[in-house]
Amino acid sequence: MGKGPERTPPPLVRRVLRAVYEAARDMKPPGWVGIGTLGLRVDRIRLDQAIALAVRSGWLRTAGQPPLTIALTAAGTSLVEDSSDRAESA
């Protein structure tokens, strides 16, 4: 059986979630975005690992094999929005 959801994503996963959230902001959910369009400056192996963790944790969905596009789940969207609310109130 797979690993259960993480409570707090590692920093790179948070960056990926935020990048997907920003890229899909004006799209109807789920906003599918190309992984290559996220503009994250990180090697592909680490990026793939972060995406895989986010998928296992229920924050992202992928399409393609290997994954070419990703979209936030409702849980991923909530996580990003909750972290934004905390940052604004700090």
N, C-alpha and C. Protein backbone atom coordinates (compact mmCIF):
# COMPACT_ATOMS: atom_id res chain seq x y z
N MET A 1 0.85 -1.18 0.00
CA MET A 1 0.00 0.00 0.00
C MET A 1 0.89 1.24 0.00
N GLY A 2 0.44 2.30 -0.65
CA GLY A 2 1.23 3.52 -0.79
C GLY A 2 1.30 4.33 0.49
N LYS A 3 2.18 5.27 0.46
CA LYS A 3 2.37 6.18 1.59
C LYS A 3 1.14 7.07 1.74
N GLY A 4 0.76 7.36 2.96
CA GLY A 4 -0.40 8.21 3.23
C GLY A 4 -0.06 9.68 3.02
N PRO A 5 -1.08 10.52 3.12
CA PRO A 5 -0.86 11.96 2.90
C PRO A 5 0.08 12.57 3.93
N GLU A 6 0.89 13.46 3.46
CA GLU A 6 1.77 14.23 4.32
C GLU A 6 0.98 15.41 4.86
N ARG A 7 1.33 15.87 6.04
CA ARG A 7 0.64 17.04 6.60
C ARG A 7 1.25 18.33 6.08
N THR A 8 2.55 18.43 6.09
CA THR A 8 3.23 19.63 5.63
C THR A 8 4.19 19.26 4.49
N PRO A 9 3.97 19.83 3.32
CA PRO A 9 4.85 19.48 2.20
C PRO A 9 6.24 20.08 2.37
N PRO A 10 7.26 19.37 1.87
CA PRO A 10 8.61 19.93 1.86
C PRO A 10 8.66 21.19 0.99
N PRO A 11 9.69 22.00 1.16
CA PRO A 11 9.77 23.28 0.43
C PRO A 11 9.64 23.15 -1.09
N LEU A 12 10.29 22.17 -1.71
CA LEU A 12 10.19 22.06 -3.17
C LEU A 12 8.77 21.69 -3.59
N VAL A 13 8.11 20.84 -2.84
CA VAL A 13 6.72 20.50 -3.15
C VAL A 13 5.84 21.74 -3.03
N ARG A 14 6.07 22.55 -2.00
CA ARG A 14 5.30 23.80 -1.86
C ARG A 14 5.53 24.72 -3.06
N ARG A 15 6.79 24.78 -3.55
CA ARG A 15 7.09 25.61 -4.73
C ARG A 15 6.34 25.11 -5.95
N VAL A 16 6.30 23.78 -6.13
CA VAL A 16 5.60 23.20 -7.27
C VAL A 16 4.10 23.51 -7.17
N LEU A 17 3.52 23.28 -5.99
CA LEU A 17 2.10 23.55 -5.81
C LEU A 17 1.78 25.02 -6.09
N ARG A 18 2.59 25.91 -5.58
CA ARG A 18 2.38 27.35 -5.79
C ARG A 18 2.50 27.69 -7.28
N ALA A 19 3.49 27.11 -7.97
CA ALA A 19 3.68 27.39 -9.39
C ALA A 19 2.48 26.91 -10.21
N VAL A 20 1.96 25.73 -9.89
CA VAL A 20 0.78 25.21 -10.59
C VAL A 20 -0.42 26.12 -10.30
N TYR A 21 -0.57 26.51 -9.05
CA TYR A 21 -1.68 27.39 -8.65
C TYR A 21 -1.62 28.70 -9.45
N GLU A 22 -0.46 29.30 -9.54
CA GLU A 22 -0.31 30.57 -10.26
C GLU A 22 -0.54 30.38 -11.76
N ALA A 23 -0.01 29.30 -12.32
CA ALA A 23 -0.14 29.06 -13.76
C ALA A 23 -1.59 28.78 -14.16
N ALA A 24 -2.35 28.16 -13.27
CA ALA A 24 -3.72 27.77 -13.59
C ALA A 24 -4.76 28.74 -13.04
N ARG A 25 -4.32 29.85 -12.53
CA ARG A 25 -5.20 30.81 -11.84
C ARG A 25 -6.43 31.19 -12.66
N ASP A 26 -6.27 31.43 -13.94
CA ASP A 26 -7.38 31.89 -14.77
C ASP A 26 -8.09 30.77 -15.53
N MET A 27 -7.79 29.53 -15.17
CA MET A 27 -8.40 28.38 -15.84
C MET A 27 -9.53 27.81 -15.00
N LYS A 28 -10.46 27.16 -15.69
CA LYS A 28 -11.53 26.45 -15.00
C LYS A 28 -10.92 25.18 -14.39
N PRO A 29 -11.22 24.89 -13.10
CA PRO A 29 -10.65 23.69 -12.48
C PRO A 29 -11.11 22.41 -13.17
N PRO A 30 -10.27 21.40 -13.26
CA PRO A 30 -8.86 21.47 -12.88
C PRO A 30 -8.05 22.13 -13.98
N GLY A 31 -7.20 23.03 -13.62
CA GLY A 31 -6.37 23.73 -14.59
C GLY A 31 -5.11 22.93 -14.87
N TRP A 32 -5.09 22.22 -15.98
CA TRP A 32 -3.92 21.42 -16.35
C TRP A 32 -2.85 22.31 -16.95
N VAL A 33 -1.63 22.20 -16.44
CA VAL A 33 -0.50 22.99 -16.95
C VAL A 33 0.66 22.06 -17.28
N GLY A 34 1.41 22.45 -18.28
CA GLY A 34 2.59 21.68 -18.67
C GLY A 34 3.69 21.84 -17.64
N ILE A 35 4.32 20.74 -17.30
CA ILE A 35 5.39 20.78 -16.30
C ILE A 35 6.50 21.73 -16.75
N GLY A 36 6.81 21.73 -18.04
CA GLY A 36 7.87 22.58 -18.55
C GLY A 36 7.55 24.07 -18.53
N THR A 37 6.29 24.42 -18.33
CA THR A 37 5.90 25.84 -18.34
C THR A 37 5.93 26.46 -16.95
N LEU A 38 6.27 25.69 -15.94
CA LEU A 38 6.21 26.21 -14.57
C LEU A 38 7.35 27.16 -14.24
N GLY A 39 8.44 27.10 -14.98
CA GLY A 39 9.55 28.02 -14.74
C GLY A 39 10.32 27.76 -13.46
N LEU A 40 10.26 26.54 -12.96
CA LEU A 40 11.01 26.22 -11.74
C LEU A 40 12.45 25.87 -12.10
N ARG A 41 13.37 26.48 -11.41
CA ARG A 41 14.79 26.25 -11.68
C ARG A 41 15.29 25.15 -10.75
N VAL A 42 15.03 23.91 -11.16
CA VAL A 42 15.42 22.75 -10.38
C VAL A 42 15.64 21.61 -11.36
N ASP A 43 16.58 20.70 -11.03
CA ASP A 43 16.83 19.61 -11.96
C ASP A 43 15.61 18.70 -12.06
N ARG A 44 15.48 18.05 -13.19
CA ARG A 44 14.27 17.28 -13.51
C ARG A 44 14.06 16.11 -12.55
N ILE A 45 15.13 15.51 -12.07
CA ILE A 45 14.98 14.38 -11.14
C ILE A 45 14.32 14.85 -9.84
N ARG A 46 14.81 15.94 -9.27
CA ARG A 46 14.21 16.47 -8.04
C ARG A 46 12.78 16.93 -8.29
N LEU A 47 12.53 17.54 -9.44
CA LEU A 47 11.18 18.00 -9.78
C LEU A 47 10.23 16.80 -9.88
N ASP A 48 10.67 15.74 -10.56
CA ASP A 48 9.85 14.54 -10.68
C ASP A 48 9.56 13.92 -9.32
N GLN A 49 10.56 13.93 -8.43
CA GLN A 49 10.36 13.39 -7.08
C GLN A 49 9.34 14.22 -6.30
N ALA A 50 9.43 15.54 -6.43
CA ALA A 50 8.48 16.42 -5.74
C ALA A 50 7.07 16.22 -6.27
N ILE A 51 6.93 16.06 -7.58
CA ILE A 51 5.62 15.83 -8.18
C ILE A 51 5.07 14.49 -7.71
N ALA A 52 5.91 13.46 -7.69
CA ALA A 52 5.46 12.13 -7.25
C ALA A 52 4.97 12.18 -5.79
N LEU A 53 5.69 12.88 -4.93
CA LEU A 53 5.28 13.01 -3.53
C LEU A 53 3.94 13.75 -3.43
N ALA A 54 3.79 14.80 -4.22
CA ALA A 54 2.54 15.57 -4.20
C ALA A 54 1.36 14.72 -4.70
N VAL A 55 1.62 13.86 -5.68
CA VAL A 55 0.56 12.97 -6.17
C VAL A 55 0.19 11.96 -5.08
N ARG A 56 1.20 11.33 -4.47
CA ARG A 56 0.94 10.35 -3.40
C ARG A 56 0.21 10.99 -2.22
N SER A 57 0.47 12.26 -1.99
CA SER A 57 -0.14 12.97 -0.86
C SER A 57 -1.52 13.52 -1.20
N GLY A 58 -1.92 13.41 -2.46
CA GLY A 58 -3.26 13.86 -2.85
C GLY A 58 -3.36 15.33 -3.21
N TRP A 59 -2.23 15.99 -3.47
CA TRP A 59 -2.24 17.42 -3.78
C TRP A 59 -2.22 17.72 -5.27
N LEU A 60 -1.72 16.78 -6.07
CA LEU A 60 -1.62 16.95 -7.52
C LEU A 60 -2.17 15.73 -8.24
N ARG A 61 -2.58 15.95 -9.49
CA ARG A 61 -2.90 14.87 -10.43
C ARG A 61 -1.99 15.05 -11.63
N THR A 62 -1.65 13.95 -12.28
CA THR A 62 -0.79 14.03 -13.47
C THR A 62 -1.50 13.41 -14.66
N ALA A 63 -1.05 13.79 -15.85
CA ALA A 63 -1.53 13.20 -17.09
C ALA A 63 -0.33 12.94 -17.98
N GLY A 64 -0.35 11.80 -18.64
CA GLY A 64 0.74 11.42 -19.52
C GLY A 64 1.66 10.42 -18.84
N GLN A 65 2.41 9.73 -19.66
CA GLN A 65 3.37 8.76 -19.12
C GLN A 65 4.64 8.89 -19.92
N PRO A 66 5.71 9.49 -19.42
CA PRO A 66 5.79 10.10 -18.09
C PRO A 66 4.89 11.34 -18.01
N PRO A 67 4.62 11.81 -16.79
CA PRO A 67 3.73 12.96 -16.64
C PRO A 67 4.21 14.17 -17.43
N LEU A 68 3.31 14.73 -18.20
CA LEU A 68 3.60 15.93 -18.99
C LEU A 68 2.84 17.14 -18.47
N THR A 69 1.66 16.89 -17.93
CA THR A 69 0.85 17.97 -17.38
C THR A 69 0.40 17.60 -15.97
N ILE A 70 0.17 18.63 -15.18
CA ILE A 70 -0.26 18.43 -13.80
C ILE A 70 -1.35 19.43 -13.45
N ALA A 71 -2.15 19.04 -12.47
CA ALA A 71 -3.24 19.91 -11.99
C ALA A 71 -3.36 19.73 -10.49
N LEU A 72 -3.71 20.79 -9.82
CA LEU A 72 -3.96 20.72 -8.38
C LEU A 72 -5.26 19.99 -8.11
N THR A 73 -5.29 19.24 -7.05
CA THR A 73 -6.54 18.68 -6.55
C THR A 73 -7.16 19.72 -5.63
N ALA A 74 -8.36 19.44 -5.14
CA ALA A 74 -8.99 20.35 -4.18
C ALA A 74 -8.11 20.48 -2.93
N ALA A 75 -7.52 19.37 -2.49
CA ALA A 75 -6.65 19.41 -1.31
C ALA A 75 -5.41 20.26 -1.58
N GLY A 76 -4.85 20.16 -2.77
CA GLY A 76 -3.68 20.97 -3.13
C GLY A 76 -4.02 22.45 -3.19
N THR A 77 -5.17 22.76 -3.77
CA THR A 77 -5.62 24.15 -3.83
C THR A 77 -5.81 24.71 -2.43
N SER A 78 -6.45 23.95 -1.56
CA SER A 78 -6.66 24.39 -0.18
C SER A 78 -5.35 24.63 0.54
N LEU A 79 -4.39 23.74 0.32
CA LEU A 79 -3.09 23.87 0.96
C LEU A 79 -2.41 25.17 0.54
N VAL A 80 -2.42 25.46 -0.75
CA VAL A 80 -1.79 26.69 -1.25
C VAL A 80 -2.53 27.92 -0.71
N GLU A 81 -3.85 27.89 -0.77
CA GLU A 81 -4.62 29.04 -0.30
C GLU A 81 -4.48 29.25 1.20
N ASP A 82 -4.44 28.15 1.97
CA ASP A 82 -4.25 28.27 3.42
C ASP A 82 -2.88 28.85 3.73
N SER A 83 -1.84 28.44 3.02
CA SER A 83 -0.50 28.97 3.28
C SER A 83 -0.42 30.44 2.89
N SER A 84 -1.16 30.84 1.85
CA SER A 84 -1.19 32.25 1.46
C SER A 84 -1.88 33.09 2.53
N ASP A 85 -2.97 32.56 3.09
CA ASP A 85 -3.68 33.28 4.14
C ASP A 85 -2.80 33.47 5.37
N ARG A 86 -2.05 32.44 5.73
CA ARG A 86 -1.15 32.55 6.88
C ARG A 86 -0.04 33.57 6.61
N ALA A 87 0.49 33.59 5.39
CA ALA A 87 1.56 34.52 5.07
C ALA A 87 1.06 35.96 5.11
N GLU A 88 -0.16 36.18 4.64
CA GLU A 88 -0.72 37.54 4.64
C GLU A 88 -1.03 38.03 6.04
N SER A 89 -1.39 37.13 6.96
CA SER A 89 -1.74 37.57 8.30
C SER A 89 -0.52 37.69 9.23
N ALA A 90 0.63 37.24 8.74
CA ALA A 90 1.86 37.30 9.57
C ALA A 90 2.48 38.68 9.54
